[in-house]
PDB file of all heavy atoms in Angstrom:
ATOM      1  N   THR A   1       0.846  -1.184   0.000  1.00  0.00           N
ATOM      2  CA  THR A   1       0.000   0.000   0.000  1.00  0.00           C
ATOM      3  C   THR A   1       0.883   1.235   0.000  1.00  0.00           C
ATOM      4  O   THR A   1       2.115   1.139   0.091  1.00  0.00           O
ATOM      5  CB  THR A   1      -0.943   0.018   1.219  1.00  0.00           C
ATOM      6  OG1 THR A   1      -1.860   1.121   1.103  1.00  0.00           O
ATOM      7  CG2 THR A   1      -0.170   0.155   2.522  1.00  0.00           C
ATOM      8  N   TYR A   2       0.263   2.389  -0.100  1.00  0.00           N
ATOM      9  CA  TYR A   2       0.984   3.661   0.013  1.00  0.00           C
ATOM     10  C   TYR A   2       1.209   3.986   1.485  1.00  0.00           C
ATOM     11  O   TYR A   2       0.472   3.526   2.364  1.00  0.00           O
ATOM     12  CB  TYR A   2       0.162   4.762  -0.671  1.00  0.00           C
ATOM     13  CG  TYR A   2       0.847   6.104  -0.701  1.00  0.00           C
ATOM     14  CD1 TYR A   2       2.066   6.268  -1.355  1.00  0.00           C
ATOM     15  CD2 TYR A   2       0.283   7.208  -0.070  1.00  0.00           C
ATOM     16  CE1 TYR A   2       2.702   7.496  -1.377  1.00  0.00           C
ATOM     17  CE2 TYR A   2       0.902   8.450  -0.097  1.00  0.00           C
ATOM     18  CZ  TYR A   2       2.112   8.587  -0.741  1.00  0.00           C
ATOM     19  OH  TYR A   2       2.736   9.806  -0.757  1.00  0.00           O
ATOM     20  N   THR A   3       2.197   4.805   1.756  1.00  0.00           N
ATOM     21  CA  THR A   3       2.573   5.102   3.141  1.00  0.00           C
ATOM     22  C   THR A   3       1.423   5.666   3.976  1.00  0.00           C
ATOM     23  O   THR A   3       1.363   5.428   5.186  1.00  0.00           O
ATOM     24  CB  THR A   3       3.773   6.068   3.193  1.00  0.00           C
ATOM     25  OG1 THR A   3       4.164   6.272   4.555  1.00  0.00           O
ATOM     26  CG2 THR A   3       3.448   7.415   2.548  1.00  0.00           C
ATOM     27  N   ALA A   4       0.511   6.413   3.371  1.00  0.00           N
ATOM     28  CA  ALA A   4      -0.565   7.051   4.142  1.00  0.00           C
ATOM     29  C   ALA A   4      -1.410   6.041   4.903  1.00  0.00           C
ATOM     30  O   ALA A   4      -1.945   6.359   5.972  1.00  0.00           O
ATOM     31  CB  ALA A   4      -1.454   7.888   3.217  1.00  0.00           C
ATOM     32  N   THR A   5      -1.551   4.832   4.376  1.00  0.00           N
ATOM     33  CA  THR A   5      -2.325   3.800   5.074  1.00  0.00           C
ATOM     34  C   THR A   5      -1.692   3.461   6.404  1.00  0.00           C
ATOM     35  O   THR A   5      -2.390   3.227   7.406  1.00  0.00           O
ATOM     36  CB  THR A   5      -2.407   2.513   4.221  1.00  0.00           C
ATOM     37  OG1 THR A   5      -2.659   2.846   2.866  1.00  0.00           O
ATOM     38  CG2 THR A   5      -3.491   1.580   4.741  1.00  0.00           C
ATOM     39  N   ALA A   6      -0.366   3.446   6.435  1.00  0.00           N
ATOM     40  CA  ALA A   6       0.379   3.010   7.616  1.00  0.00           C
ATOM     41  C   ALA A   6       0.828   4.160   8.505  1.00  0.00           C
ATOM     42  O   ALA A   6       0.859   4.031   9.736  1.00  0.00           O
ATOM     43  CB  ALA A   6       1.604   2.201   7.174  1.00  0.00           C
ATOM     44  N   SER A   7       1.191   5.286   7.903  1.00  0.00           N
ATOM     45  CA  SER A   7       1.770   6.380   8.691  1.00  0.00           C
ATOM     46  C   SER A   7       0.796   6.913   9.735  1.00  0.00           C
ATOM     47  O   SER A   7       1.219   7.356  10.811  1.00  0.00           O
ATOM     48  CB  SER A   7       2.221   7.515   7.778  1.00  0.00           C
ATOM     49  OG  SER A   7       1.131   8.096   7.082  1.00  0.00           O
ATOM     50  N   VAL A   8      -0.509   6.846   9.443  1.00  0.00           N
ATOM     51  CA  VAL A   8      -1.486   7.364  10.413  1.00  0.00           C
ATOM     52  C   VAL A   8      -1.463   6.560  11.709  1.00  0.00           C
ATOM     53  O   VAL A   8      -1.751   7.095  12.787  1.00  0.00           O
ATOM     54  CB  VAL A   8      -2.909   7.386   9.815  1.00  0.00           C
ATOM     55  CG1 VAL A   8      -2.981   8.361   8.647  1.00  0.00           C
ATOM     56  CG2 VAL A   8      -3.372   6.002   9.376  1.00  0.00           C
ATOM     57  N   VAL A   9      -1.114   5.274  11.604  1.00  0.00           N
ATOM     58  CA  VAL A   9      -0.995   4.444  12.807  1.00  0.00           C
ATOM     59  C   VAL A   9       0.156   4.962  13.670  1.00  0.00           C
ATOM     60  O   VAL A   9       0.038   5.073  14.894  1.00  0.00           O
ATOM     61  CB  VAL A   9      -0.767   2.962  12.429  1.00  0.00           C
ATOM     62  CG1 VAL A   9      -0.613   2.110  13.681  1.00  0.00           C
ATOM     63  CG2 VAL A   9      -1.900   2.453  11.546  1.00  0.00           C
ATOM     64  N   CYS A  10       1.253   5.311  12.998  1.00  0.00           N
ATOM     65  CA  CYS A  10       2.395   5.879  13.715  1.00  0.00           C
ATOM     66  C   CYS A  10       2.050   7.242  14.312  1.00  0.00           C
ATOM     67  O   CYS A  10       2.478   7.571  15.417  1.00  0.00           O
ATOM     68  CB  CYS A  10       3.594   5.998  12.779  1.00  0.00           C
ATOM     69  SG  CYS A  10       4.093   4.435  12.014  1.00  0.00           S
ATOM     70  N   HIS A  11       1.273   8.037  13.581  1.00  0.00           N
ATOM     71  CA  HIS A  11       0.903   9.365  14.069  1.00  0.00           C
ATOM     72  C   HIS A  11       0.202   9.303  15.417  1.00  0.00           C
ATOM     73  O   HIS A  11       0.403  10.174  16.274  1.00  0.00           O
ATOM     74  CB  HIS A  11      -0.036  10.062  13.078  1.00  0.00           C
ATOM     75  CG  HIS A  11       0.595  10.390  11.766  1.00  0.00           C
ATOM     76  ND1 HIS A  11      -0.111  10.936  10.711  1.00  0.00           N
ATOM     77  CD2 HIS A  11       1.865  10.245  11.312  1.00  0.00           C
ATOM     78  CE1 HIS A  11       0.695  11.103   9.685  1.00  0.00           C
ATOM     79  NE2 HIS A  11       1.894  10.689  10.025  1.00  0.00           N
ATOM     80  N   VAL A  12      -0.662   8.309  15.621  1.00  0.00           N
ATOM     81  CA  VAL A  12      -1.425   8.229  16.877  1.00  0.00           C
ATOM     82  C   VAL A  12      -0.673   7.465  17.965  1.00  0.00           C
ATOM     83  O   VAL A  12      -1.173   7.329  19.081  1.00  0.00           O
ATOM     84  CB  VAL A  12      -2.827   7.605  16.650  1.00  0.00           C
ATOM     85  CG1 VAL A  12      -3.616   8.421  15.638  1.00  0.00           C
ATOM     86  CG2 VAL A  12      -2.736   6.139  16.232  1.00  0.00           C
ATOM     87  N   GLY A  13       0.513   6.953  17.635  1.00  0.00           N
ATOM     88  CA  GLY A  13       1.332   6.280  18.639  1.00  0.00           C
ATOM     89  C   GLY A  13       1.040   4.813  18.838  1.00  0.00           C
ATOM     90  O   GLY A  13       1.573   4.186  19.763  1.00  0.00           O
ATOM     91  N   ALA A  14       0.206   4.228  17.963  1.00  0.00           N
ATOM     92  CA  ALA A  14      -0.100   2.797  18.077  1.00  0.00           C
ATOM     93  C   ALA A  14       0.988   1.977  17.388  1.00  0.00           C
ATOM     94  O   ALA A  14       1.822   2.507  16.644  1.00  0.00           O
ATOM     95  CB  ALA A  14      -1.464   2.504  17.455  1.00  0.00           C
ATOM     96  N   LYS A  15       0.970   0.677  17.604  1.00  0.00           N
ATOM     97  CA  LYS A  15       1.940  -0.218  16.971  1.00  0.00           C
ATOM     98  C   LYS A  15       1.425  -0.625  15.599  1.00  0.00           C
ATOM     99  O   LYS A  15       0.316  -1.134  15.460  1.00  0.00           O
ATOM    100  CB  LYS A  15       2.169  -1.460  17.831  1.00  0.00           C
ATOM    101  CG  LYS A  15       3.164  -2.446  17.223  1.00  0.00           C
ATOM    102  CD  LYS A  15       3.332  -3.691  18.085  1.00  0.00           C
ATOM    103  CE  LYS A  15       4.269  -4.690  17.411  1.00  0.00           C
ATOM    104  NZ  LYS A  15       4.426  -5.931  18.220  1.00  0.00           N
ATOM    105  N   LEU A  16       2.252  -0.414  14.585  1.00  0.00           N
ATOM    106  CA  LEU A  16       1.924  -0.798  13.217  1.00  0.00           C
ATOM    107  C   LEU A  16       2.296  -2.257  12.990  1.00  0.00           C
ATOM    108  O   LEU A  16       3.435  -2.662  13.237  1.00  0.00           O
ATOM    109  CB  LEU A  16       2.684   0.093  12.233  1.00  0.00           C
ATOM    110  CG  LEU A  16       2.595  -0.256  10.752  1.00  0.00           C
ATOM    111  CD1 LEU A  16       1.169  -0.068  10.242  1.00  0.00           C
ATOM    112  CD2 LEU A  16       3.570   0.602   9.947  1.00  0.00           C
ATOM    113  N   VAL A  17       1.327  -3.042  12.511  1.00  0.00           N
ATOM    114  CA  VAL A  17       1.559  -4.454  12.183  1.00  0.00           C
ATOM    115  C   VAL A  17       1.278  -4.630  10.692  1.00  0.00           C
ATOM    116  O   VAL A  17       0.140  -4.448  10.248  1.00  0.00           O
ATOM    117  CB  VAL A  17       0.657  -5.386  13.017  1.00  0.00           C
ATOM    118  CG1 VAL A  17       0.922  -6.847  12.645  1.00  0.00           C
ATOM    119  CG2 VAL A  17       0.879  -5.161  14.513  1.00  0.00           C
ATOM    120  N   LEU A  18       2.314  -4.953   9.926  1.00  0.00           N
ATOM    121  CA  LEU A  18       2.149  -5.149   8.481  1.00  0.00           C
ATOM    122  C   LEU A  18       1.816  -6.605   8.173  1.00  0.00           C
ATOM    123  O   LEU A  18       2.387  -7.521   8.763  1.00  0.00           O
ATOM    124  CB  LEU A  18       3.409  -4.736   7.728  1.00  0.00           C
ATOM    125  CG  LEU A  18       3.779  -3.252   7.768  1.00  0.00           C
ATOM    126  CD1 LEU A  18       5.028  -2.993   6.924  1.00  0.00           C
ATOM    127  CD2 LEU A  18       2.629  -2.375   7.282  1.00  0.00           C
ATOM    128  N   VAL A  19       0.901  -6.784   7.221  1.00  0.00           N
ATOM    129  CA  VAL A  19       0.429  -8.109   6.828  1.00  0.00           C
ATOM    130  C   VAL A  19       0.722  -8.311   5.348  1.00  0.00           C
ATOM    131  O   VAL A  19       0.477  -7.420   4.530  1.00  0.00           O
ATOM    132  CB  VAL A  19      -1.088  -8.240   7.098  1.00  0.00           C
ATOM    133  CG1 VAL A  19      -1.594  -9.615   6.669  1.00  0.00           C
ATOM    134  CG2 VAL A  19      -1.407  -7.987   8.566  1.00  0.00           C
ATOM    135  N   ASP A  20       1.251  -9.479   4.988  1.00  0.00           N
ATOM    136  CA  ASP A  20       1.539  -9.795   3.592  1.00  0.00           C
ATOM    137  C   ASP A  20       0.235  -9.893   2.799  1.00  0.00           C
ATOM    138  O   ASP A  20      -0.850 -10.030   3.367  1.00  0.00           O
ATOM    139  CB  ASP A  20       2.309 -11.119   3.516  1.00  0.00           C
ATOM    140  CG  ASP A  20       3.114 -11.277   2.226  1.00  0.00           C
ATOM    141  OD1 ASP A  20       3.095 -10.357   1.385  1.00  0.00           O
ATOM    142  OD2 ASP A  20       3.768 -12.332   2.077  1.00  0.00           O
ATOM    143  N   VAL A  21       0.352  -9.820   1.466  1.00  0.00           N
ATOM    144  CA  VAL A  21      -0.812 -10.033   0.610  1.00  0.00           C
ATOM    145  C   VAL A  21      -0.939 -11.517   0.283  1.00  0.00           C
ATOM    146  O   VAL A  21      -0.039 -12.316   0.554  1.00  0.00           O
ATOM    147  CB  VAL A  21      -0.725  -9.205  -0.693  1.00  0.00           C
ATOM    148  CG1 VAL A  21      -0.775  -7.719  -0.379  1.00  0.00           C
ATOM    149  CG2 VAL A  21       0.519  -9.564  -1.502  1.00  0.00           C
ATOM    150  N   GLN A  22      -2.058 -11.885  -0.300  1.00  0.00           N
ATOM    151  CA  GLN A  22      -2.277 -13.261  -0.722  1.00  0.00           C
ATOM    152  C   GLN A  22      -1.375 -13.587  -1.907  1.00  0.00           C
ATOM    153  O   GLN A  22      -0.915 -12.693  -2.618  1.00  0.00           O
ATOM    154  CB  GLN A  22      -3.739 -13.455  -1.130  1.00  0.00           C
ATOM    155  CG  GLN A  22      -4.748 -13.140  -0.045  1.00  0.00           C
ATOM    156  CD  GLN A  22      -6.153 -13.002  -0.582  1.00  0.00           C
ATOM    157  OE1 GLN A  22      -6.551 -13.702  -1.514  1.00  0.00           O
ATOM    158  NE2 GLN A  22      -6.935 -12.096  -0.001  1.00  0.00           N
ATOM    159  N   GLU A  23      -1.130 -14.852  -2.134  1.00  0.00           N
ATOM    160  CA  GLU A  23      -0.350 -15.253  -3.296  1.00  0.00           C
ATOM    161  C   GLU A  23      -1.084 -14.857  -4.579  1.00  0.00           C
ATOM    162  O   GLU A  23      -2.288 -15.086  -4.715  1.00  0.00           O
ATOM    163  CB  GLU A  23      -0.105 -16.764  -3.276  1.00  0.00           C
ATOM    164  CG  GLU A  23       0.866 -17.227  -4.349  1.00  0.00           C
ATOM    165  CD  GLU A  23       1.275 -18.673  -4.184  1.00  0.00           C
ATOM    166  OE1 GLU A  23       0.878 -19.311  -3.190  1.00  0.00           O
ATOM    167  OE2 GLU A  23       2.014 -19.167  -5.063  1.00  0.00           O
ATOM    168  N   ASP A  24      -0.360 -14.209  -5.491  1.00  0.00           N
ATOM    169  CA  ASP A  24      -0.896 -13.779  -6.781  1.00  0.00           C
ATOM    170  C   ASP A  24      -2.082 -12.817  -6.626  1.00  0.00           C
ATOM    171  O   ASP A  24      -3.027 -12.840  -7.413  1.00  0.00           O
ATOM    172  CB  ASP A  24      -1.304 -14.990  -7.628  1.00  0.00           C
ATOM    173  CG  ASP A  24      -1.335 -14.671  -9.116  1.00  0.00           C
ATOM    174  OD1 ASP A  24      -0.524 -13.843  -9.567  1.00  0.00           O
ATOM    175  OD2 ASP A  24      -2.197 -15.226  -9.823  1.00  0.00           O
ATOM    176  N   SER A  25      -2.006 -11.964  -5.613  1.00  0.00           N
ATOM    177  CA  SER A  25      -3.091 -11.003  -5.367  1.00  0.00           C
ATOM    178  C   SER A  25      -2.525  -9.772  -4.664  1.00  0.00           C
ATOM    179  O   SER A  25      -1.564  -9.874  -3.898  1.00  0.00           O
ATOM    180  CB  SER A  25      -4.182 -11.637  -4.494  1.00  0.00           C
ATOM    181  OG  SER A  25      -5.118 -10.669  -4.075  1.00  0.00           O
ATOM    182  N   PHE A  26      -3.138  -8.619  -4.930  1.00  0.00           N
ATOM    183  CA  PHE A  26      -2.765  -7.403  -4.221  1.00  0.00           C
ATOM    184  C   PHE A  26      -3.530  -7.261  -2.902  1.00  0.00           C
ATOM    185  O   PHE A  26      -3.323  -6.300  -2.171  1.00  0.00           O
ATOM    186  CB  PHE A  26      -3.055  -6.178  -5.094  1.00  0.00           C
ATOM    187  CG  PHE A  26      -2.146  -6.046  -6.282  1.00  0.00           C
ATOM    188  CD1 PHE A  26      -2.625  -6.256  -7.569  1.00  0.00           C
ATOM    189  CD2 PHE A  26      -0.815  -5.714  -6.119  1.00  0.00           C
ATOM    190  CE1 PHE A  26      -1.798  -6.132  -8.676  1.00  0.00           C
ATOM    191  CE2 PHE A  26       0.033  -5.590  -7.221  1.00  0.00           C
ATOM    192  CZ  PHE A  26      -0.459  -5.801  -8.498  1.00  0.00           C
ATOM    193  N   GLU A  27      -4.408  -8.191  -2.621  1.00  0.00           N
ATOM    194  CA  GLU A  27      -5.278  -8.097  -1.441  1.00  0.00           C
ATOM    195  C   GLU A  27      -4.630  -8.724  -0.219  1.00  0.00           C
ATOM    196  O   GLU A  27      -3.914  -9.726  -0.316  1.00  0.00           O
ATOM    197  CB  GLU A  27      -6.607  -8.782  -1.749  1.00  0.00           C
ATOM    198  CG  GLU A  27      -7.729  -8.404  -0.807  1.00  0.00           C
ATOM    199  CD  GLU A  27      -9.082  -8.835  -1.342  1.00  0.00           C
ATOM    200  OE1 GLU A  27      -9.154  -9.421  -2.438  1.00  0.00           O
ATOM    201  OE2 GLU A  27     -10.077  -8.579  -0.656  1.00  0.00           O
ATOM    202  N   MET A  28      -4.873  -8.136   0.915  1.00  0.00           N
ATOM    203  CA  MET A  28      -4.319  -8.629   2.168  1.00  0.00           C
ATOM    204  C   MET A  28      -4.590 -10.122   2.360  1.00  0.00           C
ATOM    205  O   MET A  28      -5.657 -10.621   2.015  1.00  0.00           O
ATOM    206  CB  MET A  28      -4.944  -7.844   3.341  1.00  0.00           C
ATOM    207  CG  MET A  28      -4.307  -8.102   4.696  1.00  0.00           C
ATOM    208  SD  MET A  28      -5.239  -7.388   6.087  1.00  0.00           S
ATOM    209  CE  MET A  28      -5.209  -5.654   5.716  1.00  0.00           C
ATOM    210  N   ASP A  29      -3.617 -10.834   2.921  1.00  0.00           N
ATOM    211  CA  ASP A  29      -3.782 -12.248   3.264  1.00  0.00           C
ATOM    212  C   ASP A  29      -4.626 -12.311   4.537  1.00  0.00           C
ATOM    213  O   ASP A  29      -4.141 -12.033   5.634  1.00  0.00           O
ATOM    214  CB  ASP A  29      -2.414 -12.897   3.477  1.00  0.00           C
ATOM    215  CG  ASP A  29      -2.502 -14.387   3.763  1.00  0.00           C
ATOM    216  OD1 ASP A  29      -3.528 -14.835   4.324  1.00  0.00           O
ATOM    217  OD2 ASP A  29      -1.540 -15.108   3.449  1.00  0.00           O
ATOM    218  N   TYR A  30      -5.891 -12.676   4.380  1.00  0.00           N
ATOM    219  CA  TYR A  30      -6.807 -12.615   5.519  1.00  0.00           C
ATOM    220  C   TYR A  30      -6.521 -13.694   6.558  1.00  0.00           C
ATOM    221  O   TYR A  30      -6.785 -13.492   7.755  1.00  0.00           O
ATOM    222  CB  TYR A  30      -8.256 -12.685   5.031  1.00  0.00           C
ATOM    223  CG  TYR A  30      -8.615 -11.496   4.161  1.00  0.00           C
ATOM    224  CD1 TYR A  30      -9.015 -11.666   2.834  1.00  0.00           C
ATOM    225  CD2 TYR A  30      -8.522 -10.192   4.655  1.00  0.00           C
ATOM    226  CE1 TYR A  30      -9.325 -10.582   2.035  1.00  0.00           C
ATOM    227  CE2 TYR A  30      -8.833  -9.100   3.864  1.00  0.00           C
ATOM    228  CZ  TYR A  30      -9.226  -9.304   2.550  1.00  0.00           C
ATOM    229  OH  TYR A  30      -9.526  -8.219   1.766  1.00  0.00           O
ATOM    230  N   ASP A  31      -5.984 -14.816   6.144  1.00  0.00           N
ATOM    231  CA  ASP A  31      -5.575 -15.833   7.122  1.00  0.00           C
ATOM    232  C   ASP A  31      -4.446 -15.293   7.996  1.00  0.00           C
ATOM    233  O   ASP A  31      -4.455 -15.463   9.225  1.00  0.00           O
ATOM    234  CB  ASP A  31      -5.121 -17.116   6.419  1.00  0.00           C
ATOM    235  CG  ASP A  31      -6.262 -17.855   5.751  1.00  0.00           C
ATOM    236  OD1 ASP A  31      -7.416 -17.724   6.227  1.00  0.00           O
ATOM    237  OD2 ASP A  31      -6.013 -18.558   4.750  1.00  0.00           O
ATOM    238  N   GLN A  32      -3.478 -14.633   7.361  1.00  0.00           N
ATOM    239  CA  GLN A  32      -2.386 -14.043   8.133  1.00  0.00           C
ATOM    240  C   GLN A  32      -2.899 -12.903   9.012  1.00  0.00           C
ATOM    241  O   GLN A  32      -2.455 -12.738  10.148  1.00  0.00           O
ATOM    242  CB  GLN A  32      -1.284 -13.539   7.199  1.00  0.00           C
ATOM    243  CG  GLN A  32      -0.041 -13.081   7.952  1.00  0.00           C
ATOM    244  CD  GLN A  32       1.054 -12.593   7.042  1.00  0.00           C
ATOM    245  OE1 GLN A  32       1.538 -11.478   7.177  1.00  0.00           O
ATOM    246  NE2 GLN A  32       1.461 -13.433   6.093  1.00  0.00           N
ATOM    247  N   MET A  33      -3.827 -12.127   8.480  1.00  0.00           N
ATOM    248  CA  MET A  33      -4.439 -11.065   9.279  1.00  0.00           C
ATOM    249  C   MET A  33      -5.044 -11.628  10.555  1.00  0.00           C
ATOM    250  O   MET A  33      -4.818 -11.115  11.662  1.00  0.00           O
ATOM    251  CB  MET A  33      -5.525 -10.353   8.461  1.00  0.00           C
ATOM    252  CG  MET A  33      -6.187  -9.181   9.168  1.00  0.00           C
ATOM    253  SD  MET A  33      -7.714  -8.634   8.346  1.00  0.00           S
ATOM    254  CE  MET A  33      -8.920  -9.705   9.174  1.00  0.00           C
ATOM    255  N   GLU A  34      -5.798 -12.717  10.404  1.00  0.00           N
ATOM    256  CA  GLU A  34      -6.437 -13.333  11.567  1.00  0.00           C
ATOM    257  C   GLU A  34      -5.398 -13.818  12.574  1.00  0.00           C
ATOM    258  O   GLU A  34      -5.569 -13.652  13.788  1.00  0.00           O
ATOM    259  CB  GLU A  34      -7.329 -14.489  11.125  1.00  0.00           C
ATOM    260  CG  GLU A  34      -8.090 -15.140  12.278  1.00  0.00           C
ATOM    261  CD  GLU A  34      -9.173 -16.099  11.821  1.00  0.00           C
ATOM    262  OE1 GLU A  34      -9.219 -16.421  10.607  1.00  0.00           O
ATOM    263  OE2 GLU A  34      -9.982 -16.525  12.669  1.00  0.00           O
ATOM    264  N   SER A  35      -4.314 -14.391  12.086  1.00  0.00           N
ATOM    265  CA  SER A  35      -3.290 -14.921  12.988  1.00  0.00           C
ATOM    266  C   SER A  35      -2.552 -13.820  13.746  1.00  0.00           C
ATOM    267  O   SER A  35      -1.973 -14.070  14.803  1.00  0.00           O
ATOM    268  CB  SER A  35      -2.282 -15.774  12.209  1.00  0.00           C
ATOM    269  OG  SER A  35      -1.455 -14.962  11.386  1.00  0.00           O
ATOM    270  N   GLN A  36      -2.575 -12.591  13.219  1.00  0.00           N
ATOM    271  CA  GLN A  36      -1.874 -11.469  13.857  1.00  0.00           C
ATOM    272  C   GLN A  36      -2.730 -10.758  14.909  1.00  0.00           C
ATOM    273  O   GLN A  36      -2.227  -9.906  15.645  1.00  0.00           O
ATOM    274  CB  GLN A  36      -1.458 -10.444  12.791  1.00  0.00           C
ATOM    275  CG  GLN A  36      -0.445 -10.960  11.781  1.00  0.00           C
ATOM    276  CD  GLN A  36       0.981 -10.850  12.284  1.00  0.00           C
ATOM    277  OE1 GLN A  36       1.213 -10.700  13.481  1.00  0.00           O
ATOM    278  NE2 GLN A  36       1.943 -10.939  11.387  1.00  0.00           N
ATOM    279  N   ILE A  37      -4.000 -11.090  14.969  1.00  0.00           N
ATOM    280  CA  ILE A  37      -4.893 -10.420  15.919  1.00  0.00           C
ATOM    281  C   ILE A  37      -4.622 -10.908  17.338  1.00  0.00           C
ATOM    282  O   ILE A  37      -4.488 -12.105  17.593  1.00  0.00           O
ATOM    283  CB  ILE A  37      -6.365 -10.667  15.534  1.00  0.00           C
ATOM    284  CG1 ILE A  37      -6.697  -9.943  14.223  1.00  0.00           C
ATOM    285  CG2 ILE A  37      -7.316 -10.214  16.651  1.00  0.00           C
ATOM    286  CD1 ILE A  37      -8.066 -10.277  13.657  1.00  0.00           C
ATOM    287  N   ASN A  38      -4.537  -9.957  18.266  1.00  0.00           N
ATOM    288  CA  ASN A  38      -4.394 -10.297  19.687  1.00  0.00           C
ATOM    289  C   ASN A  38      -5.217  -9.321  20.529  1.00  0.00           C
ATOM    290  O   ASN A  38      -5.982  -8.515  19.976  1.00  0.00           O
ATOM    291  CB  ASN A  38      -2.915 -10.286  20.097  1.00  0.00           C
ATOM    292  CG  ASN A  38      -2.256  -8.932  19.889  1.00  0.00           C
ATOM    293  OD1 ASN A  38      -2.822  -7.895  20.224  1.00  0.00           O
ATOM    294  ND2 ASN A  38      -1.052  -8.930  19.321  1.00  0.00           N
ATOM    295  N   GLU A  39      -5.057  -9.377  21.835  1.00  0.00           N
ATOM    296  CA  GLU A  39      -5.875  -8.548  22.725  1.00  0.00           C
ATOM    297  C   GLU A  39      -5.607  -7.049  22.574  1.00  0.00           C
ATOM    298  O   GLU A  39      -6.415  -6.225  23.022  1.00  0.00           O
ATOM    299  CB  GLU A  39      -5.649  -8.974  24.175  1.00  0.00           C
ATOM    300  CG  GLU A  39      -6.193 -10.365  24.488  1.00  0.00           C
ATOM    301  CD  GLU A  39      -6.082 -10.729  25.953  1.00  0.00           C
ATOM    302  OE1 GLU A  39      -5.396  -9.985  26.697  1.00  0.00           O
ATOM    303  OE2 GLU A  39      -6.693 -11.728  26.370  1.00  0.00           O
ATOM    304  N   ASN A  40      -4.487  -6.701  21.968  1.00  0.00           N
ATOM    305  CA  ASN A  40      -4.160  -5.284  21.783  1.00  0.00           C
ATOM    306  C   ASN A  40      -4.649  -4.726  20.442  1.00  0.00           C
ATOM    307  O   ASN A  40      -4.573  -3.519  20.223  1.00  0.00           O
ATOM    308  CB  ASN A  40      -2.648  -5.086  21.869  1.00  0.00           C
ATOM    309  CG  ASN A  40      -2.098  -5.455  23.233  1.00  0.00           C
ATOM    310  OD1 ASN A  40      -2.700  -5.147  24.261  1.00  0.00           O
ATOM    311  ND2 ASN A  40      -0.959  -6.129  23.253  1.00  0.00           N
ATOM    312  N   THR A  41      -5.124  -5.594  19.557  1.00  0.00           N
ATOM    313  CA  THR A  41      -5.558  -5.147  18.227  1.00  0.00           C
ATOM    314  C   THR A  41      -6.847  -4.346  18.338  1.00  0.00           C
ATOM    315  O   THR A  41      -7.848  -4.820  18.871  1.00  0.00           O
ATOM    316  CB  THR A  41      -5.781  -6.349  17.287  1.00  0.00           C
ATOM    317  OG1 THR A  41      -4.614  -7.180  17.289  1.00  0.00           O
ATOM    318  CG2 THR A  41      -6.065  -5.865  15.879  1.00  0.00           C
TER     319      THR A  41
END
């Protein structure tokens, strides 16, 4: 994605967690997204 998607997370002081895209797709890997979720998300 472009930096603006991520930089706003840094602006508010939260932790930025980047997620890979799916194979052969520009779309976020939703399985990986789910695995990255925790009580702080």
